[in-house]
Amino acid sequence: MKQSISGLYVRDNCHPAKASLLAWVQIPLWLIITVALRTVCISEKTADQPRGLAEGGLLWISDLTVPDPFWILPLMLGATNLLIVEMFSRQRKHGGLIARLATYFMRGVSIFMVFVAGSVPSALSLYWVTSSIWSLLQNLVLRSSRLRAVMRLSPIRSRSLSK
């Protein structure tokens, strides 16, 4: 089995370390932007004269330094994250116990994030929703066989190791 997997890594040039490399950049960047936005929101609240986030808003949100009063952004975040989790869970045809547990865990995280997003400034929720929607769109586009052909990417194959 190890030799088969190693052969696949060499044949497809897809070692797991390469797949996790992007996360080592994306996760810290996401955290840095989140902390920066939170800091800006806090400084806006304590400023003598509000500048941009506290005065300008977006549609139903008149103040981006306070949580979304209608919970629209938190619910959008939860729904988008659940769509991403379900898309990846449907991709695996024969998931083992660990894969199923990971899927249930990620579903729980998606639901938990609704409540987190409901308690943070709307600017953060807006960033998180935008990031999640972008991720969902990227995944949907990259699953398109036409786009993969235009970009000269290999077609999506079954994840099964059997012949």
N, C-alpha and C. Protein backbone atom coordinates (compact mmCIF):
# COMPACT_ATOMS: atom_id res chain seq x y z
N MET A 1 0.83 -1.18 0.00
CA MET A 1 0.00 0.00 0.00
C MET A 1 0.88 1.25 0.00
N LYS A 2 1.93 1.24 0.84
CA LYS A 2 2.84 2.39 0.89
C LYS A 2 3.48 2.64 -0.47
N GLN A 3 3.88 1.57 -1.14
CA GLN A 3 4.50 1.71 -2.45
C GLN A 3 3.51 2.27 -3.47
N SER A 4 2.25 1.84 -3.39
CA SER A 4 1.22 2.36 -4.30
C SER A 4 1.03 3.85 -4.09
N ILE A 5 0.94 4.24 -2.84
CA ILE A 5 0.73 5.66 -2.52
C ILE A 5 1.95 6.47 -2.95
N SER A 6 3.14 5.97 -2.66
CA SER A 6 4.36 6.67 -3.08
C SER A 6 4.42 6.80 -4.60
N GLY A 7 4.01 5.76 -5.29
CA GLY A 7 3.98 5.80 -6.75
C GLY A 7 3.01 6.86 -7.26
N LEU A 8 1.86 6.99 -6.60
CA LEU A 8 0.91 8.02 -6.98
C LEU A 8 1.48 9.42 -6.74
N TYR A 9 2.20 9.59 -5.62
CA TYR A 9 2.82 10.89 -5.33
C TYR A 9 3.79 11.27 -6.44
N VAL A 10 4.60 10.32 -6.86
CA VAL A 10 5.60 10.58 -7.90
C VAL A 10 4.91 10.81 -9.25
N ARG A 11 3.98 9.92 -9.59
CA ARG A 11 3.30 10.00 -10.89
C ARG A 11 2.55 11.33 -11.06
N ASP A 12 1.82 11.73 -10.02
CA ASP A 12 0.99 12.93 -10.12
C ASP A 12 1.64 14.18 -9.54
N ASN A 13 2.87 14.03 -9.02
CA ASN A 13 3.60 15.15 -8.43
C ASN A 13 2.73 15.90 -7.41
N CYS A 14 2.17 15.12 -6.48
CA CYS A 14 1.23 15.72 -5.51
C CYS A 14 1.47 15.22 -4.09
N HIS A 15 2.64 15.44 -3.58
CA HIS A 15 2.94 15.04 -2.21
C HIS A 15 2.06 15.84 -1.24
N PRO A 16 1.58 15.22 -0.15
CA PRO A 16 0.71 15.93 0.80
C PRO A 16 1.33 17.21 1.36
N ALA A 17 2.64 17.26 1.46
CA ALA A 17 3.30 18.46 1.97
C ALA A 17 3.02 19.65 1.06
N LYS A 18 2.94 19.40 -0.26
CA LYS A 18 2.64 20.48 -1.20
C LYS A 18 1.22 21.00 -0.98
N ALA A 19 0.30 20.09 -0.70
CA ALA A 19 -1.10 20.49 -0.50
C ALA A 19 -1.26 21.33 0.76
N SER A 20 -0.48 21.02 1.79
CA SER A 20 -0.61 21.76 3.04
C SER A 20 0.20 23.06 3.05
N LEU A 21 1.05 23.24 2.06
CA LEU A 21 1.88 24.44 1.99
C LEU A 21 1.03 25.71 1.90
N LEU A 22 -0.02 25.68 1.12
CA LEU A 22 -0.88 26.84 0.96
C LEU A 22 -1.54 27.23 2.28
N ALA A 23 -1.94 26.24 3.07
CA ALA A 23 -2.56 26.53 4.36
C ALA A 23 -1.60 27.25 5.30
N TRP A 24 -0.31 26.97 5.19
CA TRP A 24 0.68 27.64 6.03
C TRP A 24 0.78 29.13 5.71
N VAL A 25 0.28 29.53 4.55
CA VAL A 25 0.25 30.95 4.18
C VAL A 25 -1.14 31.52 4.44
N GLN A 26 -2.18 30.79 4.05
CA GLN A 26 -3.54 31.31 4.15
C GLN A 26 -4.00 31.51 5.59
N ILE A 27 -3.76 30.56 6.45
CA ILE A 27 -4.26 30.65 7.83
C ILE A 27 -3.63 31.82 8.58
N PRO A 28 -2.30 31.99 8.57
CA PRO A 28 -1.75 33.18 9.24
C PRO A 28 -2.24 34.49 8.63
N LEU A 29 -2.39 34.54 7.31
CA LEU A 29 -2.88 35.75 6.66
C LEU A 29 -4.30 36.06 7.10
N TRP A 30 -5.15 35.04 7.16
CA TRP A 30 -6.53 35.21 7.62
C TRP A 30 -6.55 35.72 9.06
N LEU A 31 -5.70 35.16 9.91
CA LEU A 31 -5.64 35.60 11.31
C LEU A 31 -5.15 37.04 11.42
N ILE A 32 -4.14 37.40 10.66
CA ILE A 32 -3.59 38.77 10.70
C ILE A 32 -4.64 39.78 10.26
N ILE A 33 -5.34 39.49 9.18
CA ILE A 33 -6.38 40.41 8.70
C ILE A 33 -7.52 40.50 9.71
N THR A 34 -7.89 39.38 10.32
CA THR A 34 -8.95 39.38 11.33
C THR A 34 -8.57 40.25 12.52
N VAL A 35 -7.36 40.08 13.03
CA VAL A 35 -6.90 40.87 14.18
C VAL A 35 -6.81 42.35 13.80
N ALA A 36 -6.32 42.63 12.60
CA ALA A 36 -6.21 44.03 12.15
C ALA A 36 -7.58 44.68 12.06
N LEU A 37 -8.55 43.99 11.47
CA LEU A 37 -9.90 44.55 11.37
C LEU A 37 -10.52 44.76 12.74
N ARG A 38 -10.31 43.81 13.63
CA ARG A 38 -10.84 43.94 14.99
C ARG A 38 -10.22 45.15 15.69
N THR A 39 -8.93 45.34 15.52
CA THR A 39 -8.23 46.47 16.13
C THR A 39 -8.76 47.79 15.57
N VAL A 40 -8.98 47.84 14.26
CA VAL A 40 -9.52 49.06 13.64
C VAL A 40 -10.92 49.34 14.19
N CYS A 41 -11.74 48.31 14.33
CA CYS A 41 -13.10 48.49 14.86
C CYS A 41 -13.07 49.01 16.29
N ILE A 42 -12.17 48.48 17.11
CA ILE A 42 -12.06 48.94 18.50
C ILE A 42 -11.59 50.38 18.54
N SER A 43 -10.61 50.73 17.70
CA SER A 43 -10.12 52.11 17.70
C SER A 43 -11.19 53.07 17.18
N GLU A 44 -12.03 52.61 16.26
CA GLU A 44 -13.14 53.45 15.77
C GLU A 44 -14.14 53.74 16.88
N LYS A 45 -14.41 52.74 17.72
CA LYS A 45 -15.37 52.92 18.81
C LYS A 45 -14.86 53.91 19.85
N THR A 46 -13.56 53.88 20.11
CA THR A 46 -12.99 54.74 21.15
C THR A 46 -12.55 56.09 20.63
N ALA A 47 -12.58 56.31 19.32
CA ALA A 47 -12.13 57.57 18.74
C ALA A 47 -13.12 58.69 19.07
N ASP A 48 -12.59 59.92 19.24
CA ASP A 48 -13.45 61.07 19.50
C ASP A 48 -14.35 61.34 18.30
N GLN A 49 -13.78 61.19 17.12
CA GLN A 49 -14.53 61.44 15.91
C GLN A 49 -14.46 60.20 15.03
N PRO A 50 -15.57 59.46 14.87
CA PRO A 50 -15.54 58.26 14.04
C PRO A 50 -15.16 58.60 12.61
N ARG A 51 -14.40 57.69 11.98
CA ARG A 51 -13.91 57.97 10.63
C ARG A 51 -14.72 57.24 9.58
N GLY A 52 -14.55 55.99 9.38
CA GLY A 52 -15.19 55.34 8.24
C GLY A 52 -16.10 54.19 8.61
N LEU A 53 -15.58 53.26 9.38
CA LEU A 53 -16.35 52.05 9.66
C LEU A 53 -17.56 52.32 10.55
N ALA A 54 -17.45 53.29 11.44
CA ALA A 54 -18.56 53.57 12.36
C ALA A 54 -19.64 54.42 11.70
N GLU A 55 -19.30 55.17 10.66
CA GLU A 55 -20.28 56.04 10.03
C GLU A 55 -20.86 55.42 8.76
N GLY A 56 -19.99 54.90 7.92
CA GLY A 56 -20.47 54.32 6.67
C GLY A 56 -20.88 52.89 6.90
N GLY A 57 -21.86 52.46 6.19
CA GLY A 57 -22.32 51.09 6.36
C GLY A 57 -22.57 50.43 5.02
N LEU A 58 -23.14 49.28 5.10
CA LEU A 58 -23.43 48.50 3.91
C LEU A 58 -24.86 47.98 4.04
N LEU A 59 -25.72 48.44 3.15
CA LEU A 59 -27.12 48.01 3.12
C LEU A 59 -27.77 48.13 4.50
N TRP A 60 -28.01 47.04 5.19
CA TRP A 60 -28.72 47.04 6.47
C TRP A 60 -27.82 47.35 7.66
N ILE A 61 -26.51 47.41 7.43
CA ILE A 61 -25.57 47.65 8.53
C ILE A 61 -25.11 49.11 8.44
N SER A 62 -25.52 49.92 9.41
CA SER A 62 -25.13 51.33 9.38
C SER A 62 -23.80 51.56 10.08
N ASP A 63 -23.37 50.62 10.91
CA ASP A 63 -22.13 50.75 11.67
C ASP A 63 -21.38 49.42 11.62
N LEU A 64 -20.25 49.40 10.94
CA LEU A 64 -19.49 48.15 10.78
C LEU A 64 -18.68 47.79 12.03
N THR A 65 -18.72 48.63 13.06
CA THR A 65 -17.97 48.33 14.29
C THR A 65 -18.81 47.57 15.31
N VAL A 66 -20.08 47.35 15.00
CA VAL A 66 -20.96 46.60 15.91
C VAL A 66 -21.43 45.33 15.20
N PRO A 67 -21.86 44.33 15.96
CA PRO A 67 -22.35 43.09 15.34
C PRO A 67 -23.57 43.33 14.44
N ASP A 68 -23.74 42.47 13.46
CA ASP A 68 -24.87 42.54 12.52
C ASP A 68 -26.17 42.40 13.32
N PRO A 69 -27.02 43.43 13.32
CA PRO A 69 -28.23 43.39 14.14
C PRO A 69 -29.25 42.36 13.66
N PHE A 70 -29.21 42.01 12.40
CA PHE A 70 -30.20 41.07 11.86
C PHE A 70 -29.63 39.66 11.65
N TRP A 71 -28.39 39.45 11.97
CA TRP A 71 -27.70 38.16 11.87
C TRP A 71 -27.66 37.65 10.43
N ILE A 72 -27.73 38.53 9.46
CA ILE A 72 -27.69 38.10 8.06
C ILE A 72 -26.29 37.61 7.69
N LEU A 73 -25.26 38.39 8.04
CA LEU A 73 -23.89 37.98 7.73
C LEU A 73 -23.49 36.69 8.45
N PRO A 74 -23.79 36.56 9.75
CA PRO A 74 -23.43 35.28 10.41
C PRO A 74 -24.13 34.07 9.78
N LEU A 75 -25.38 34.23 9.41
CA LEU A 75 -26.09 33.10 8.78
C LEU A 75 -25.53 32.80 7.39
N MET A 76 -25.17 33.85 6.65
CA MET A 76 -24.53 33.64 5.34
C MET A 76 -23.21 32.90 5.50
N LEU A 77 -22.45 33.27 6.54
CA LEU A 77 -21.17 32.61 6.80
C LEU A 77 -21.37 31.13 7.09
N GLY A 78 -22.32 30.83 7.97
CA GLY A 78 -22.59 29.43 8.30
C GLY A 78 -23.04 28.63 7.09
N ALA A 79 -23.94 29.21 6.29
CA ALA A 79 -24.44 28.51 5.10
C ALA A 79 -23.33 28.28 4.09
N THR A 80 -22.50 29.29 3.86
CA THR A 80 -21.41 29.15 2.89
C THR A 80 -20.41 28.10 3.35
N ASN A 81 -20.04 28.14 4.63
CA ASN A 81 -19.09 27.15 5.14
C ASN A 81 -19.67 25.74 5.09
N LEU A 82 -20.97 25.61 5.38
CA LEU A 82 -21.59 24.28 5.28
C LEU A 82 -21.60 23.79 3.84
N LEU A 83 -21.83 24.68 2.88
CA LEU A 83 -21.78 24.29 1.47
C LEU A 83 -20.39 23.77 1.10
N ILE A 84 -19.37 24.45 1.59
CA ILE A 84 -17.99 24.01 1.30
C ILE A 84 -17.73 22.65 1.91
N VAL A 85 -18.14 22.45 3.16
CA VAL A 85 -17.94 21.16 3.84
C VAL A 85 -18.68 20.06 3.08
N GLU A 86 -19.92 20.32 2.70
CA GLU A 86 -20.70 19.31 1.99
C GLU A 86 -20.11 19.01 0.61
N MET A 87 -19.58 20.02 -0.05
CA MET A 87 -18.97 19.80 -1.36
C MET A 87 -17.77 18.85 -1.22
N PHE A 88 -16.96 19.06 -0.20
CA PHE A 88 -15.82 18.18 -0.01
C PHE A 88 -16.22 16.80 0.48
N SER A 89 -17.29 16.72 1.28
CA SER A 89 -17.71 15.40 1.77
C SER A 89 -18.31 14.57 0.63
N ARG A 90 -18.98 15.21 -0.33
CA ARG A 90 -19.55 14.50 -1.49
C ARG A 90 -18.45 14.05 -2.46
N GLN A 91 -17.33 14.74 -2.41
CA GLN A 91 -16.22 14.42 -3.32
C GLN A 91 -15.63 13.06 -2.96
N ARG A 92 -15.60 12.74 -1.66
CA ARG A 92 -15.05 11.46 -1.24
C ARG A 92 -16.15 10.41 -1.35
N LYS A 93 -15.91 9.40 -2.16
CA LYS A 93 -16.93 8.37 -2.33
C LYS A 93 -16.94 7.39 -1.16
N HIS A 94 -15.78 6.96 -0.73
CA HIS A 94 -15.70 5.97 0.34
C HIS A 94 -14.87 6.54 1.47
N GLY A 95 -15.51 7.32 2.33
CA GLY A 95 -14.79 7.90 3.45
C GLY A 95 -14.73 6.94 4.62
N GLY A 96 -13.59 6.88 5.24
CA GLY A 96 -13.44 6.05 6.42
C GLY A 96 -13.98 6.77 7.65
N LEU A 97 -13.76 6.18 8.79
CA LEU A 97 -14.25 6.73 10.05
C LEU A 97 -13.65 8.11 10.31
N ILE A 98 -12.35 8.25 10.10
CA ILE A 98 -11.68 9.53 10.35
C ILE A 98 -12.26 10.62 9.44
N ALA A 99 -12.49 10.29 8.17
CA ALA A 99 -13.05 11.26 7.23
C ALA A 99 -14.46 11.68 7.65
N ARG A 100 -15.26 10.71 8.09
CA ARG A 100 -16.62 11.05 8.54
C ARG A 100 -16.59 11.91 9.79
N LEU A 101 -15.71 11.57 10.73
CA LEU A 101 -15.59 12.37 11.95
C LEU A 101 -15.11 13.78 11.64
N ALA A 102 -14.17 13.91 10.71
CA ALA A 102 -13.68 15.23 10.32
C ALA A 102 -14.81 16.05 9.68
N THR A 103 -15.65 15.40 8.88
CA THR A 103 -16.77 16.09 8.25
C THR A 103 -17.76 16.57 9.31
N TYR A 104 -18.09 15.72 10.28
CA TYR A 104 -18.99 16.13 11.36
C TYR A 104 -18.37 17.28 12.18
N PHE A 105 -17.08 17.20 12.42
CA PHE A 105 -16.39 18.26 13.16
C PHE A 105 -16.48 19.59 12.40
N MET A 106 -16.23 19.56 11.10
CA MET A 106 -16.26 20.78 10.30
C MET A 106 -17.69 21.33 10.19
N ARG A 107 -18.68 20.46 10.17
CA ARG A 107 -20.07 20.93 10.21
C ARG A 107 -20.33 21.67 11.52
N GLY A 108 -19.85 21.10 12.61
CA GLY A 108 -20.00 21.75 13.91
C GLY A 108 -19.29 23.09 13.97
N VAL A 109 -18.09 23.16 13.40
CA VAL A 109 -17.35 24.42 13.36
C VAL A 109 -18.13 25.46 12.55
N SER A 110 -18.73 25.03 11.45
CA SER A 110 -19.52 25.96 10.62
C SER A 110 -20.69 26.54 11.40
N ILE A 111 -21.35 25.71 12.17
CA ILE A 111 -22.48 26.18 12.98
C ILE A 111 -21.98 27.06 14.13
N PHE A 112 -20.88 26.68 14.75
CA PHE A 112 -20.29 27.47 15.83
C PHE A 112 -19.90 28.86 15.34
N MET A 113 -19.38 28.93 14.10
CA MET A 113 -18.94 30.21 13.54
C MET A 113 -20.10 31.19 13.35
N VAL A 114 -21.33 30.70 13.22
CA VAL A 114 -22.49 31.58 13.13
C VAL A 114 -22.58 32.42 14.40
N PHE A 115 -22.41 31.77 15.55
CA PHE A 115 -22.53 32.47 16.82
C PHE A 115 -21.32 33.38 17.08
N VAL A 116 -20.15 32.95 16.64
CA VAL A 116 -18.96 33.80 16.76
C VAL A 116 -19.15 35.05 15.89
N ALA A 117 -19.58 34.85 14.65
CA ALA A 117 -19.77 35.99 13.73
C ALA A 117 -20.89 36.91 14.21
N GLY A 118 -21.83 36.38 14.96
CA GLY A 118 -22.91 37.20 15.50
C GLY A 118 -22.48 38.07 16.65
N SER A 119 -21.30 37.81 17.20
CA SER A 119 -20.86 38.58 18.37
C SER A 119 -19.66 39.49 18.08
N VAL A 120 -19.16 39.47 16.87
CA VAL A 120 -18.00 40.31 16.51
C VAL A 120 -18.48 41.46 15.63
N PRO A 121 -17.65 42.50 15.46
CA PRO A 121 -18.04 43.60 14.58
C PRO A 121 -18.41 43.12 13.17
N SER A 122 -19.35 43.80 12.58
CA SER A 122 -19.83 43.42 11.24
C SER A 122 -18.72 43.45 10.20
N ALA A 123 -17.71 44.29 10.40
CA ALA A 123 -16.58 44.33 9.46
C ALA A 123 -15.90 42.97 9.39
N LEU A 124 -15.75 42.31 10.55
CA LEU A 124 -15.15 40.97 10.58
C LEU A 124 -16.05 39.96 9.89
N SER A 125 -17.34 40.01 10.23
CA SER A 125 -18.28 39.07 9.61
C SER A 125 -18.29 39.25 8.10
N LEU A 126 -18.25 40.49 7.64
CA LEU A 126 -18.24 40.77 6.21
C LEU A 126 -16.99 40.20 5.56
N TYR A 127 -15.84 40.36 6.21
CA TYR A 127 -14.59 39.79 5.68
C TYR A 127 -14.67 38.27 5.63
N TRP A 128 -15.17 37.66 6.70
CA TRP A 128 -15.26 36.20 6.75
C TRP A 128 -16.22 35.67 5.68
N VAL A 129 -17.37 36.33 5.50
CA VAL A 129 -18.34 35.90 4.49
C VAL A 129 -17.73 36.03 3.09
N THR A 130 -17.09 37.17 2.84
CA THR A 130 -16.47 37.39 1.54
C THR A 130 -15.41 36.33 1.26
N SER A 131 -14.60 36.03 2.26
CA SER A 131 -13.55 35.01 2.12
C SER A 131 -14.15 33.64 1.84
N SER A 132 -15.21 33.30 2.55
CA SER A 132 -15.86 31.99 2.36
C SER A 132 -16.53 31.88 0.99
N ILE A 133 -17.19 32.95 0.57
CA ILE A 133 -17.84 32.92 -0.74
C ILE A 133 -16.79 32.80 -1.84
N TRP A 134 -15.67 33.51 -1.69
CA TRP A 134 -14.59 33.41 -2.68
C TRP A 134 -14.06 31.98 -2.73
N SER A 135 -13.87 31.36 -1.57
CA SER A 135 -13.39 29.98 -1.52
C SER A 135 -14.38 29.03 -2.19
N LEU A 136 -15.67 29.22 -1.92
CA LEU A 136 -16.69 28.38 -2.53
C LEU A 136 -16.67 28.53 -4.06
N LEU A 137 -16.61 29.78 -4.53
CA LEU A 137 -16.58 30.02 -5.97
C LEU A 137 -15.35 29.41 -6.63
N GLN A 138 -14.19 29.54 -5.99
CA GLN A 138 -12.97 28.93 -6.53
C GLN A 138 -13.15 27.43 -6.68
N ASN A 139 -13.68 26.79 -5.65
CA ASN A 139 -13.87 25.35 -5.70
C ASN A 139 -14.86 24.94 -6.78
N LEU A 140 -15.94 25.70 -6.91
CA LEU A 140 -16.92 25.38 -7.95
C LEU A 140 -16.33 25.56 -9.34
N VAL A 141 -15.60 26.64 -9.55
CA VAL A 141 -15.01 26.91 -10.87
C VAL A 141 -13.98 25.84 -11.22
N LEU A 142 -13.14 25.48 -10.24
CA LEU A 142 -12.09 24.50 -10.51
C LEU A 142 -12.63 23.08 -10.70
N ARG A 143 -13.89 22.86 -10.38
CA ARG A 143 -14.50 21.56 -10.63
C ARG A 143 -15.14 21.50 -12.02
N SER A 144 -15.15 22.62 -12.72
CA SER A 144 -15.72 22.67 -14.06
C SER A 144 -14.78 21.99 -15.05
N SER A 145 -15.30 21.00 -15.76
CA SER A 145 -14.45 20.28 -16.72
C SER A 145 -14.03 21.17 -17.88
N ARG A 146 -14.90 22.09 -18.30
CA ARG A 146 -14.54 23.01 -19.39
C ARG A 146 -13.39 23.93 -18.97
N LEU A 147 -13.49 24.50 -17.80
CA LEU A 147 -12.43 25.39 -17.33
C LEU A 147 -11.12 24.64 -17.17
N ARG A 148 -11.20 23.42 -16.64
CA ARG A 148 -9.99 22.63 -16.47
C ARG A 148 -9.34 22.35 -17.82
N ALA A 149 -10.15 22.12 -18.83
CA ALA A 149 -9.61 21.88 -20.18
C ALA A 149 -8.96 23.15 -20.73
N VAL A 150 -9.61 24.29 -20.56
CA VAL A 150 -9.06 25.56 -21.06
C VAL A 150 -7.74 25.88 -20.36
N MET A 151 -7.67 25.61 -19.05
CA MET A 151 -6.46 25.91 -18.29
C MET A 151 -5.41 24.79 -18.39
N ARG A 152 -5.74 23.78 -19.17
CA ARG A 152 -4.86 22.62 -19.37
C ARG A 152 -4.52 21.92 -18.06
N LEU A 153 -5.54 21.80 -17.21
CA LEU A 153 -5.40 21.05 -15.97
C LEU A 153 -5.92 19.64 -16.21
N SER A 154 -5.37 18.69 -15.50
CA SER A 154 -5.83 17.32 -15.67
C SER A 154 -7.26 17.19 -15.16
N PRO A 155 -8.04 16.29 -15.77
CA PRO A 155 -9.42 16.10 -15.31
C PRO A 155 -9.44 15.55 -13.88
N ILE A 156 -10.51 15.81 -13.19
CA ILE A 156 -10.67 15.31 -11.82
C ILE A 156 -10.90 13.81 -11.89
N ARG A 157 -10.08 13.08 -11.15
CA ARG A 157 -10.20 11.62 -11.14
C ARG A 157 -10.82 11.19 -9.84
N SER A 158 -11.27 9.96 -9.83
CA SER A 158 -11.80 9.37 -8.62
C SER A 158 -10.68 9.26 -7.60
N ARG A 159 -11.02 9.42 -6.34
CA ARG A 159 -10.03 9.36 -5.27
C ARG A 159 -9.69 7.91 -4.87
N SER A 160 -10.33 6.96 -5.48
CA SER A 160 -10.13 5.56 -5.13
C SER A 160 -8.75 5.08 -5.60
N LEU A 161 -8.11 4.24 -4.77
CA LEU A 161 -6.80 3.68 -5.13
C LEU A 161 -6.93 2.38 -5.91
N SER A 162 -8.15 1.85 -6.03
CA SER A 162 -8.30 0.60 -6.77
C SER A 162 -8.23 0.86 -8.26
N LYS A 163 -7.89 -0.18 -9.03
CA LYS A 163 -7.74 -0.04 -10.48
C LYS A 163 -9.04 -0.22 -11.19
